[in-house]
Structures are given as C-alpha cells and as structure tokens.
C-alpha cells in the first residue's frame, strides 16, 4: 500500500494511523522512514544517527497516549480469543487501578492515538462490563490501557525492571 503526505511528519503520522486502524503494531514509523530514505537515497541524509529525544521530553500525557496506543495494538494481537477474567476479579483489579497514582488520563495526548485506543478497546471488549470505567486511564509505569488490563486473563509478561517500579499494592506486580 502506498501512503503519501505533505511532509515527512505527515507520512509518518499516516503510517501510524494506518497500522493502528488495521490492528497492527505501530512500530516507529518516523525511524522507519529515515531508514528507508537514507538507505535508498543516502545523499538526502546528512546525519544518519540523530540524537535520541529523551522520553521525558514533551508533555507526559502526550507520551502516555502514544505508549498506550503501542501497548493496546500489541495487546490486541497478543490477547485474541481472551475470554477475560470473572467480574469479581475485574472489580478487584479496577479498584486497585482507580486508586493508584500511576493510573493517568491519556486523553490529552495524541488525538489519533486516543481514537485508535478507544476503537481497539471497543472491538476487543465485546460488551464486557468494565468496573469503574470512567476512572481508568493508562498505567504510567507499564503504558498499558487499564480498562483492557483489568478485564484480561491473557496479559503480556512484564520485565523485572518494570515490576520493581510498580507500587507495592499493584495487582500486576
């Protein structure tokens, strides 16, 4: 499929939107475009190793929306056929997440990311009840969509480093 745009950033955005809309892992479209252009036409590239932008740059909510979009796209593939946990367990998890300071809203971030998070969650959820629905955002530590996580029986494993950064009462610890 050919995707076109008015600028480098516009093409990267369209690639990301296309992937999220089609339930694919978002990857890093900006870096992939740099790699493609520099690999095909090296004379266009002066610095093929630009410095990395620190994760703390920009607004935390914008970063969280992007991280959550990446998480839910990967989760959507990983958790296909997941029947979920019983309602009592999802209530227990939702109560912990809703009270946790790491549970953060992600709606102020990337608009297309938020739209795709909501779309993928709607499709994956399949009308399952979600306790404390209006209070669940995304986990700032994991980047997970908390609504999906509290309902899921099949969650991606966490690294030891991430587990160490979670609050002591976290149900994912």
N, C-alpha and C. Protein backbone atom coordinates (compact mmCIF):
# COMPACT_ATOMS: atom_id res chain seq x y z
N UNK A 1 0.83 -1.17 0.00
CA UNK A 1 0.00 0.00 0.00
C UNK A 1 0.88 1.24 0.00
N UNK A 2 0.51 2.21 -0.78
CA UNK A 2 1.27 3.45 -0.87
C UNK A 2 0.57 4.52 -0.04
N UNK A 3 1.32 5.13 0.88
CA UNK A 3 0.80 6.22 1.71
C UNK A 3 1.60 7.48 1.37
N UNK A 4 0.91 8.57 1.12
CA UNK A 4 1.55 9.82 0.77
C UNK A 4 1.16 10.88 1.79
N UNK A 5 1.97 11.93 1.86
CA UNK A 5 1.67 13.03 2.76
C UNK A 5 2.32 14.31 2.28
N UNK A 6 2.03 15.38 3.00
CA UNK A 6 2.55 16.69 2.62
C UNK A 6 3.91 16.98 3.22
N UNK A 7 4.34 16.15 4.17
CA UNK A 7 5.64 16.33 4.81
C UNK A 7 6.10 14.98 5.36
N UNK A 8 7.35 14.94 5.79
CA UNK A 8 7.89 13.74 6.41
C UNK A 8 7.03 13.33 7.61
N UNK A 9 6.71 14.32 8.47
CA UNK A 9 5.90 14.06 9.67
C UNK A 9 4.51 13.57 9.30
N UNK A 10 3.94 14.13 8.24
CA UNK A 10 2.60 13.74 7.80
C UNK A 10 2.59 12.28 7.32
N UNK A 11 3.62 11.88 6.58
CA UNK A 11 3.71 10.48 6.12
C UNK A 11 3.84 9.55 7.32
N UNK A 12 4.69 9.89 8.28
CA UNK A 12 4.86 9.06 9.48
C UNK A 12 3.54 8.94 10.23
N UNK A 13 2.81 10.04 10.35
CA UNK A 13 1.51 10.03 11.03
C UNK A 13 0.52 9.14 10.29
N UNK A 14 0.51 9.21 8.97
CA UNK A 14 -0.43 8.38 8.18
C UNK A 14 -0.08 6.89 8.29
N UNK A 15 1.20 6.58 8.34
CA UNK A 15 1.62 5.19 8.51
C UNK A 15 1.15 4.68 9.87
N UNK A 16 1.35 5.49 10.90
CA UNK A 16 0.91 5.11 12.25
C UNK A 16 -0.60 4.92 12.28
N UNK A 17 -1.36 5.85 11.71
CA UNK A 17 -2.82 5.74 11.67
C UNK A 17 -3.26 4.49 10.93
N UNK A 18 -2.61 4.20 9.81
CA UNK A 18 -2.96 3.02 9.02
C UNK A 18 -2.74 1.74 9.84
N UNK A 19 -1.60 1.67 10.51
CA UNK A 19 -1.29 0.48 11.30
C UNK A 19 -2.27 0.30 12.45
N UNK A 20 -2.53 1.37 13.18
CA UNK A 20 -3.44 1.27 14.32
C UNK A 20 -4.87 0.96 13.88
N UNK A 21 -5.29 1.56 12.78
CA UNK A 21 -6.63 1.31 12.25
C UNK A 21 -6.80 -0.14 11.83
N UNK A 22 -5.72 -0.76 11.41
CA UNK A 22 -5.79 -2.14 10.94
C UNK A 22 -5.30 -3.15 11.98
N UNK A 23 -5.20 -2.71 13.24
CA UNK A 23 -4.84 -3.62 14.32
C UNK A 23 -3.42 -4.14 14.26
N UNK A 24 -2.53 -3.39 13.67
CA UNK A 24 -1.12 -3.81 13.57
C UNK A 24 -0.29 -3.08 14.60
N UNK A 25 0.81 -3.66 14.99
CA UNK A 25 1.73 -3.00 15.92
C UNK A 25 2.22 -1.71 15.27
N UNK A 26 2.22 -0.59 16.01
CA UNK A 26 2.58 0.69 15.40
C UNK A 26 4.04 0.83 15.04
N UNK A 27 4.94 0.16 15.74
CA UNK A 27 6.36 0.30 15.45
C UNK A 27 6.82 1.73 15.63
N UNK A 28 7.79 2.15 14.84
CA UNK A 28 8.32 3.52 14.90
C UNK A 28 8.38 4.06 13.47
N UNK A 29 7.23 4.54 12.95
CA UNK A 29 7.19 4.98 11.55
C UNK A 29 8.20 6.06 11.20
N UNK A 30 8.46 6.99 12.12
CA UNK A 30 9.42 8.06 11.81
C UNK A 30 10.81 7.48 11.56
N UNK A 31 11.26 6.58 12.43
CA UNK A 31 12.58 5.98 12.26
C UNK A 31 12.61 5.08 11.02
N UNK A 32 11.53 4.38 10.76
CA UNK A 32 11.47 3.52 9.58
C UNK A 32 11.56 4.34 8.30
N UNK A 33 10.93 5.53 8.29
CA UNK A 33 11.04 6.40 7.12
C UNK A 33 12.47 6.92 6.94
N UNK A 34 13.11 7.29 8.05
CA UNK A 34 14.51 7.73 7.98
C UNK A 34 15.37 6.61 7.41
N UNK A 35 15.20 5.40 7.93
CA UNK A 35 15.97 4.26 7.46
C UNK A 35 15.74 4.00 5.97
N UNK A 36 14.48 4.09 5.53
CA UNK A 36 14.14 3.83 4.14
C UNK A 36 14.77 4.88 3.21
N UNK A 37 14.55 6.15 3.56
CA UNK A 37 15.07 7.23 2.72
C UNK A 37 16.60 7.20 2.69
N UNK A 38 17.22 7.08 3.86
CA UNK A 38 18.68 7.09 3.92
C UNK A 38 19.29 5.85 3.26
N UNK A 39 18.59 4.73 3.35
CA UNK A 39 19.07 3.51 2.71
C UNK A 39 18.93 3.56 1.19
N UNK A 40 17.86 4.21 0.72
CA UNK A 40 17.61 4.28 -0.73
C UNK A 40 18.31 5.45 -1.40
N UNK A 41 18.37 6.59 -0.72
CA UNK A 41 18.96 7.80 -1.27
C UNK A 41 19.87 8.45 -0.23
N UNK A 42 21.05 7.89 0.00
CA UNK A 42 21.92 8.39 1.07
C UNK A 42 22.30 9.86 0.94
N UNK A 43 22.28 10.40 -0.27
CA UNK A 43 22.65 11.80 -0.45
C UNK A 43 21.64 12.76 0.21
N UNK A 44 20.44 12.27 0.55
CA UNK A 44 19.46 13.10 1.26
C UNK A 44 19.74 13.19 2.75
N UNK A 45 20.61 12.33 3.24
CA UNK A 45 20.81 12.23 4.69
C UNK A 45 22.17 12.77 5.08
N UNK A 46 22.18 13.75 5.94
CA UNK A 46 23.43 14.28 6.46
C UNK A 46 23.85 13.53 7.72
N UNK A 47 22.89 13.34 8.63
CA UNK A 47 23.18 12.70 9.90
C UNK A 47 22.28 11.47 10.03
N UNK A 48 22.84 10.31 9.82
CA UNK A 48 22.03 9.09 9.91
C UNK A 48 21.91 8.58 11.33
N UNK A 49 22.56 9.24 12.27
CA UNK A 49 22.46 8.89 13.68
C UNK A 49 22.08 10.12 14.50
N UNK A 50 20.86 10.66 14.31
CA UNK A 50 20.48 11.84 15.06
C UNK A 50 20.35 11.50 16.54
N UNK A 51 20.59 12.49 17.42
CA UNK A 51 20.48 12.20 18.84
C UNK A 51 19.06 11.81 19.21
N UNK A 52 18.94 10.93 20.20
CA UNK A 52 17.62 10.48 20.64
C UNK A 52 16.96 11.57 21.45
N UNK A 53 15.65 11.68 21.30
CA UNK A 53 14.89 12.61 22.11
C UNK A 53 14.59 11.89 23.42
N UNK A 54 14.90 12.50 24.57
CA UNK A 54 14.65 11.82 25.83
C UNK A 54 13.17 11.56 26.04
N UNK A 55 12.85 10.45 26.69
CA UNK A 55 11.46 10.08 26.93
C UNK A 55 10.73 11.14 27.72
N UNK A 56 11.45 11.92 28.51
CA UNK A 56 10.81 12.94 29.34
C UNK A 56 10.47 14.20 28.56
N UNK A 57 10.92 14.30 27.31
CA UNK A 57 10.64 15.50 26.52
C UNK A 57 9.16 15.57 26.18
N UNK A 58 8.64 16.76 26.12
CA UNK A 58 7.23 16.94 25.79
C UNK A 58 6.34 16.70 27.00
N UNK A 59 5.05 16.78 26.77
CA UNK A 59 4.10 16.59 27.86
C UNK A 59 3.96 15.11 28.19
N UNK A 60 3.92 14.77 29.49
CA UNK A 60 3.78 13.37 29.88
C UNK A 60 2.52 12.72 29.32
N UNK A 61 1.40 13.47 29.24
CA UNK A 61 0.16 12.87 28.75
C UNK A 61 0.27 12.51 27.28
N UNK A 62 1.00 13.34 26.49
CA UNK A 62 1.16 13.01 25.08
C UNK A 62 1.99 11.73 24.94
N UNK A 63 3.05 11.61 25.73
CA UNK A 63 3.86 10.41 25.71
C UNK A 63 3.08 9.19 26.17
N UNK A 64 2.23 9.38 27.15
CA UNK A 64 1.44 8.27 27.66
C UNK A 64 0.42 7.79 26.63
N UNK A 65 -0.19 8.71 25.90
CA UNK A 65 -1.15 8.31 24.86
C UNK A 65 -0.45 7.47 23.79
N UNK A 66 0.73 7.87 23.40
CA UNK A 66 1.47 7.12 22.39
C UNK A 66 1.88 5.75 22.93
N UNK A 67 2.38 5.72 24.17
CA UNK A 67 2.77 4.45 24.78
C UNK A 67 1.57 3.53 24.93
N UNK A 68 0.44 4.09 25.32
CA UNK A 68 -0.78 3.29 25.48
C UNK A 68 -1.26 2.76 24.13
N UNK A 69 -1.16 3.57 23.09
CA UNK A 69 -1.55 3.12 21.74
C UNK A 69 -0.66 1.97 21.29
N UNK A 70 0.64 2.07 21.56
CA UNK A 70 1.56 0.98 21.21
C UNK A 70 1.20 -0.27 22.00
N UNK A 71 0.91 -0.10 23.30
CA UNK A 71 0.58 -1.25 24.15
C UNK A 71 -0.68 -1.93 23.67
N UNK A 72 -1.75 -1.17 23.42
CA UNK A 72 -3.02 -1.80 23.07
C UNK A 72 -2.97 -2.45 21.68
N UNK A 73 -2.18 -1.89 20.77
CA UNK A 73 -2.05 -2.52 19.45
C UNK A 73 -1.37 -3.88 19.58
N UNK A 74 -0.31 -3.95 20.38
CA UNK A 74 0.37 -5.24 20.61
C UNK A 74 -0.53 -6.18 21.40
N UNK A 75 -1.21 -5.65 22.40
CA UNK A 75 -2.12 -6.45 23.23
C UNK A 75 -3.24 -7.04 22.39
N UNK A 76 -3.79 -6.26 21.47
CA UNK A 76 -4.89 -6.71 20.62
C UNK A 76 -4.50 -7.97 19.86
N UNK A 77 -3.27 -8.01 19.37
CA UNK A 77 -2.78 -9.21 18.69
C UNK A 77 -2.52 -10.34 19.68
N UNK A 78 -1.90 -10.00 20.80
CA UNK A 78 -1.49 -10.98 21.81
C UNK A 78 -2.70 -11.66 22.46
N UNK A 79 -3.75 -10.90 22.72
CA UNK A 79 -4.87 -11.40 23.52
C UNK A 79 -6.08 -11.85 22.70
N UNK A 80 -5.88 -12.15 21.45
CA UNK A 80 -7.01 -12.65 20.64
C UNK A 80 -7.59 -13.90 21.29
N UNK A 81 -8.90 -13.93 21.37
CA UNK A 81 -9.56 -15.09 21.95
C UNK A 81 -9.56 -15.09 23.47
N UNK A 82 -9.06 -14.05 24.10
CA UNK A 82 -9.04 -13.94 25.55
C UNK A 82 -10.48 -13.77 26.04
N UNK A 83 -10.94 -14.71 26.85
CA UNK A 83 -12.31 -14.64 27.37
C UNK A 83 -12.42 -13.72 28.57
N UNK A 84 -11.29 -13.32 29.11
CA UNK A 84 -11.30 -12.40 30.24
C UNK A 84 -11.41 -13.10 31.58
N UNK A 85 -11.31 -12.29 32.63
CA UNK A 85 -11.41 -12.80 34.00
C UNK A 85 -12.85 -12.64 34.49
N UNK A 86 -13.22 -13.36 35.54
CA UNK A 86 -14.56 -13.19 36.12
C UNK A 86 -14.77 -11.75 36.61
N UNK A 87 -16.03 -11.33 36.68
CA UNK A 87 -16.36 -9.97 37.07
C UNK A 87 -15.77 -9.60 38.43
N UNK A 88 -15.81 -10.51 39.38
CA UNK A 88 -15.26 -10.22 40.71
C UNK A 88 -13.78 -9.86 40.64
N UNK A 89 -13.02 -10.57 39.81
CA UNK A 89 -11.59 -10.29 39.65
C UNK A 89 -11.38 -8.95 38.94
N UNK A 90 -12.17 -8.67 37.91
CA UNK A 90 -12.00 -7.39 37.22
C UNK A 90 -12.38 -6.23 38.16
N UNK A 91 -13.33 -6.43 39.06
CA UNK A 91 -13.68 -5.39 40.04
C UNK A 91 -12.52 -5.16 41.00
N UNK A 92 -11.91 -6.22 41.46
CA UNK A 92 -10.76 -6.10 42.37
C UNK A 92 -9.64 -5.32 41.69
N UNK A 93 -9.33 -5.69 40.46
CA UNK A 93 -8.27 -5.01 39.72
C UNK A 93 -8.60 -3.55 39.47
N UNK A 94 -9.84 -3.29 39.06
CA UNK A 94 -10.25 -1.91 38.76
C UNK A 94 -10.18 -1.04 40.01
N UNK A 95 -10.54 -1.57 41.16
CA UNK A 95 -10.47 -0.81 42.41
C UNK A 95 -9.03 -0.41 42.72
N UNK A 96 -8.11 -1.33 42.50
CA UNK A 96 -6.68 -1.03 42.74
C UNK A 96 -6.20 0.03 41.75
N UNK A 97 -6.50 -0.15 40.47
CA UNK A 97 -6.04 0.81 39.45
C UNK A 97 -6.65 2.20 39.67
N UNK A 98 -7.94 2.25 39.97
CA UNK A 98 -8.61 3.55 40.13
C UNK A 98 -8.00 4.35 41.27
N UNK A 99 -7.51 3.69 42.31
CA UNK A 99 -6.93 4.38 43.46
C UNK A 99 -5.43 4.64 43.30
N UNK A 100 -4.83 4.12 42.26
CA UNK A 100 -3.38 4.20 42.08
C UNK A 100 -2.96 5.53 41.46
N UNK A 101 -1.90 6.16 41.99
CA UNK A 101 -1.42 7.42 41.40
C UNK A 101 -0.79 7.22 40.01
N UNK A 102 -0.44 5.99 39.65
CA UNK A 102 0.15 5.71 38.33
C UNK A 102 -0.92 5.59 37.25
N UNK A 103 -2.21 5.50 37.66
CA UNK A 103 -3.34 5.49 36.72
C UNK A 103 -3.55 6.93 36.26
N UNK A 104 -3.21 7.21 35.00
CA UNK A 104 -3.24 8.58 34.49
C UNK A 104 -4.14 8.68 33.26
N UNK A 105 -4.81 9.83 33.11
CA UNK A 105 -5.58 10.02 31.87
C UNK A 105 -4.64 10.16 30.68
N UNK A 106 -5.05 9.64 29.55
CA UNK A 106 -4.23 9.74 28.35
C UNK A 106 -4.94 10.53 27.26
N UNK A 107 -6.11 11.08 27.56
CA UNK A 107 -6.92 11.75 26.56
C UNK A 107 -6.36 13.07 26.08
N UNK A 108 -5.43 13.68 26.82
CA UNK A 108 -4.87 14.95 26.40
C UNK A 108 -3.73 14.81 25.42
N UNK A 109 -3.39 13.60 25.04
CA UNK A 109 -2.25 13.37 24.17
C UNK A 109 -2.64 13.28 22.71
N UNK A 110 -1.88 12.51 21.98
CA UNK A 110 -2.03 12.30 20.55
C UNK A 110 -3.48 11.91 20.20
N UNK A 111 -4.16 12.78 19.43
CA UNK A 111 -5.57 12.56 19.10
C UNK A 111 -5.82 11.27 18.35
N UNK A 112 -4.99 10.98 17.35
CA UNK A 112 -5.19 9.74 16.58
C UNK A 112 -4.89 8.52 17.45
N UNK A 113 -3.95 8.66 18.38
CA UNK A 113 -3.64 7.56 19.30
C UNK A 113 -4.85 7.27 20.18
N UNK A 114 -5.43 8.32 20.75
CA UNK A 114 -6.59 8.16 21.64
C UNK A 114 -7.74 7.52 20.87
N UNK A 115 -7.98 7.98 19.66
CA UNK A 115 -9.06 7.43 18.84
C UNK A 115 -8.84 5.94 18.57
N UNK A 116 -7.62 5.57 18.27
CA UNK A 116 -7.32 4.17 17.99
C UNK A 116 -7.34 3.31 19.25
N UNK A 117 -6.94 3.86 20.38
CA UNK A 117 -7.04 3.14 21.65
C UNK A 117 -8.50 2.81 21.90
N UNK A 118 -9.37 3.80 21.78
CA UNK A 118 -10.79 3.59 22.02
C UNK A 118 -11.39 2.57 21.05
N UNK A 119 -11.00 2.65 19.79
CA UNK A 119 -11.53 1.72 18.79
C UNK A 119 -11.10 0.29 19.07
N UNK A 120 -9.79 0.09 19.32
CA UNK A 120 -9.31 -1.27 19.59
C UNK A 120 -9.91 -1.83 20.88
N UNK A 121 -10.04 -0.98 21.90
CA UNK A 121 -10.65 -1.45 23.15
C UNK A 121 -12.10 -1.84 22.92
N UNK A 122 -12.84 -1.04 22.18
CA UNK A 122 -14.24 -1.36 21.89
C UNK A 122 -14.38 -2.72 21.20
N UNK A 123 -13.53 -2.96 20.22
CA UNK A 123 -13.59 -4.23 19.48
C UNK A 123 -13.18 -5.39 20.38
N UNK A 124 -12.10 -5.23 21.13
CA UNK A 124 -11.61 -6.33 21.98
C UNK A 124 -12.57 -6.60 23.14
N UNK A 125 -13.16 -5.56 23.70
CA UNK A 125 -14.01 -5.68 24.89
C UNK A 125 -15.26 -6.52 24.65
N UNK A 126 -15.86 -6.38 23.50
CA UNK A 126 -17.07 -7.14 23.15
C UNK A 126 -18.16 -7.06 24.22
N UNK A 127 -18.52 -5.86 24.63
CA UNK A 127 -19.62 -5.61 25.57
C UNK A 127 -19.43 -6.20 26.97
N UNK A 128 -18.22 -6.53 27.35
CA UNK A 128 -17.98 -6.98 28.72
C UNK A 128 -18.14 -5.79 29.67
N UNK A 129 -18.70 -6.00 30.85
CA UNK A 129 -18.80 -4.88 31.79
C UNK A 129 -17.43 -4.49 32.33
N UNK A 130 -17.20 -3.19 32.45
CA UNK A 130 -15.93 -2.69 32.96
C UNK A 130 -16.17 -1.90 34.24
N UNK A 131 -15.81 -2.47 35.39
CA UNK A 131 -15.98 -1.75 36.65
C UNK A 131 -15.16 -0.45 36.66
N UNK A 132 -15.74 0.60 37.23
CA UNK A 132 -15.08 1.90 37.40
C UNK A 132 -14.58 2.47 36.08
N UNK A 133 -15.34 2.24 35.05
CA UNK A 133 -14.95 2.59 33.68
C UNK A 133 -14.47 4.03 33.53
N UNK A 134 -15.17 4.98 34.08
CA UNK A 134 -14.80 6.38 33.91
C UNK A 134 -13.55 6.79 34.68
N UNK A 135 -13.05 5.90 35.53
CA UNK A 135 -11.90 6.23 36.37
C UNK A 135 -10.60 5.61 35.88
N UNK A 136 -10.67 4.76 34.87
CA UNK A 136 -9.47 4.06 34.41
C UNK A 136 -8.87 4.74 33.20
N UNK A 137 -7.57 5.00 33.27
CA UNK A 137 -6.84 5.59 32.16
C UNK A 137 -5.79 4.61 31.67
N UNK A 138 -4.53 5.04 31.78
CA UNK A 138 -3.40 4.20 31.39
C UNK A 138 -2.41 4.17 32.55
N UNK A 139 -1.67 3.08 32.66
CA UNK A 139 -0.65 2.96 33.70
C UNK A 139 0.60 3.69 33.23
N UNK A 140 1.03 4.68 34.01
CA UNK A 140 2.20 5.46 33.64
C UNK A 140 3.47 4.61 33.63
N UNK A 141 3.52 3.56 34.46
CA UNK A 141 4.71 2.71 34.53
C UNK A 141 4.75 1.73 33.36
N UNK A 142 3.66 1.04 33.13
CA UNK A 142 3.61 -0.02 32.11
C UNK A 142 3.27 0.53 30.73
N UNK A 143 2.44 1.57 30.69
CA UNK A 143 1.94 2.08 29.42
C UNK A 143 0.69 1.35 28.97
N UNK A 144 0.16 0.48 29.82
CA UNK A 144 -1.00 -0.32 29.44
C UNK A 144 -2.29 0.47 29.52
N UNK A 145 -3.26 0.06 28.74
CA UNK A 145 -4.62 0.58 28.82
C UNK A 145 -5.27 -0.17 29.97
N UNK A 146 -5.55 0.53 31.06
CA UNK A 146 -6.02 -0.14 32.27
C UNK A 146 -7.36 -0.83 32.10
N UNK A 147 -8.25 -0.30 31.28
CA UNK A 147 -9.53 -0.97 31.04
C UNK A 147 -9.34 -2.35 30.43
N UNK A 148 -8.46 -2.44 29.45
CA UNK A 148 -8.17 -3.75 28.83
C UNK A 148 -7.51 -4.69 29.83
N UNK A 149 -6.55 -4.14 30.59
CA UNK A 149 -5.79 -4.97 31.51
C UNK A 149 -6.65 -5.56 32.61
N UNK A 150 -7.56 -4.76 33.19
CA UNK A 150 -8.37 -5.29 34.30
C UNK A 150 -9.33 -6.38 33.83
N UNK A 151 -9.68 -6.38 32.56
CA UNK A 151 -10.60 -7.40 32.04
C UNK A 151 -9.89 -8.66 31.53
N UNK A 152 -8.62 -8.55 31.22
CA UNK A 152 -7.92 -9.61 30.50
C UNK A 152 -7.38 -10.72 31.39
N UNK A 153 -7.50 -11.91 30.87
CA UNK A 153 -6.88 -13.08 31.50
C UNK A 153 -5.48 -13.30 30.93
N UNK A 154 -5.27 -12.81 29.72
CA UNK A 154 -4.03 -13.08 28.99
C UNK A 154 -3.28 -11.77 28.76
N UNK A 155 -2.41 -11.42 29.72
CA UNK A 155 -1.65 -10.17 29.62
C UNK A 155 -0.21 -10.44 29.26
N UNK A 156 0.40 -9.55 28.49
CA UNK A 156 1.83 -9.72 28.17
C UNK A 156 2.65 -9.70 29.45
N UNK A 157 3.70 -10.49 29.52
CA UNK A 157 4.54 -10.51 30.73
C UNK A 157 5.27 -9.19 30.92
N UNK A 158 5.62 -8.89 32.17
CA UNK A 158 6.36 -7.68 32.50
C UNK A 158 7.81 -8.04 32.80
N UNK A 159 8.69 -7.11 32.52
CA UNK A 159 10.10 -7.31 32.88
C UNK A 159 10.26 -7.07 34.38
N UNK A 160 11.33 -7.58 34.94
CA UNK A 160 11.62 -7.35 36.36
C UNK A 160 11.79 -5.86 36.64
N UNK A 161 12.40 -5.14 35.72
CA UNK A 161 12.61 -3.70 35.89
C UNK A 161 11.28 -2.97 36.04
N UNK A 162 10.32 -3.30 35.20
CA UNK A 162 9.00 -2.66 35.30
C UNK A 162 8.32 -3.06 36.59
N UNK A 163 8.37 -4.33 36.94
CA UNK A 163 7.75 -4.78 38.19
C UNK A 163 8.28 -4.02 39.40
N UNK A 164 9.58 -3.75 39.41
CA UNK A 164 10.19 -3.02 40.52
C UNK A 164 9.66 -1.59 40.63
N UNK A 165 9.26 -1.01 39.52
CA UNK A 165 8.78 0.37 39.52
C UNK A 165 7.29 0.48 39.86
N UNK A 166 6.59 -0.63 39.92
CA UNK A 166 5.17 -0.62 40.24
C UNK A 166 4.93 -0.41 41.73
N UNK A 167 3.84 0.22 42.11
CA UNK A 167 3.52 0.36 43.54
C UNK A 167 3.36 -1.02 44.18
N UNK A 168 3.62 -1.09 45.48
CA UNK A 168 3.57 -2.36 46.19
C UNK A 168 2.23 -3.08 46.10
N UNK A 169 1.12 -2.33 46.04
CA UNK A 169 -0.20 -2.97 46.02
C UNK A 169 -0.71 -3.27 44.60
N UNK A 170 0.12 -3.08 43.59
CA UNK A 170 -0.31 -3.31 42.20
C UNK A 170 -0.59 -4.79 41.97
N UNK A 171 -1.70 -5.08 41.34
CA UNK A 171 -2.09 -6.46 41.06
C UNK A 171 -1.23 -7.08 39.94
N UNK A 172 -0.48 -6.27 39.22
CA UNK A 172 0.40 -6.80 38.16
C UNK A 172 1.79 -7.12 38.68
N UNK A 173 2.09 -6.76 39.93
CA UNK A 173 3.44 -6.93 40.47
C UNK A 173 3.84 -8.37 40.63
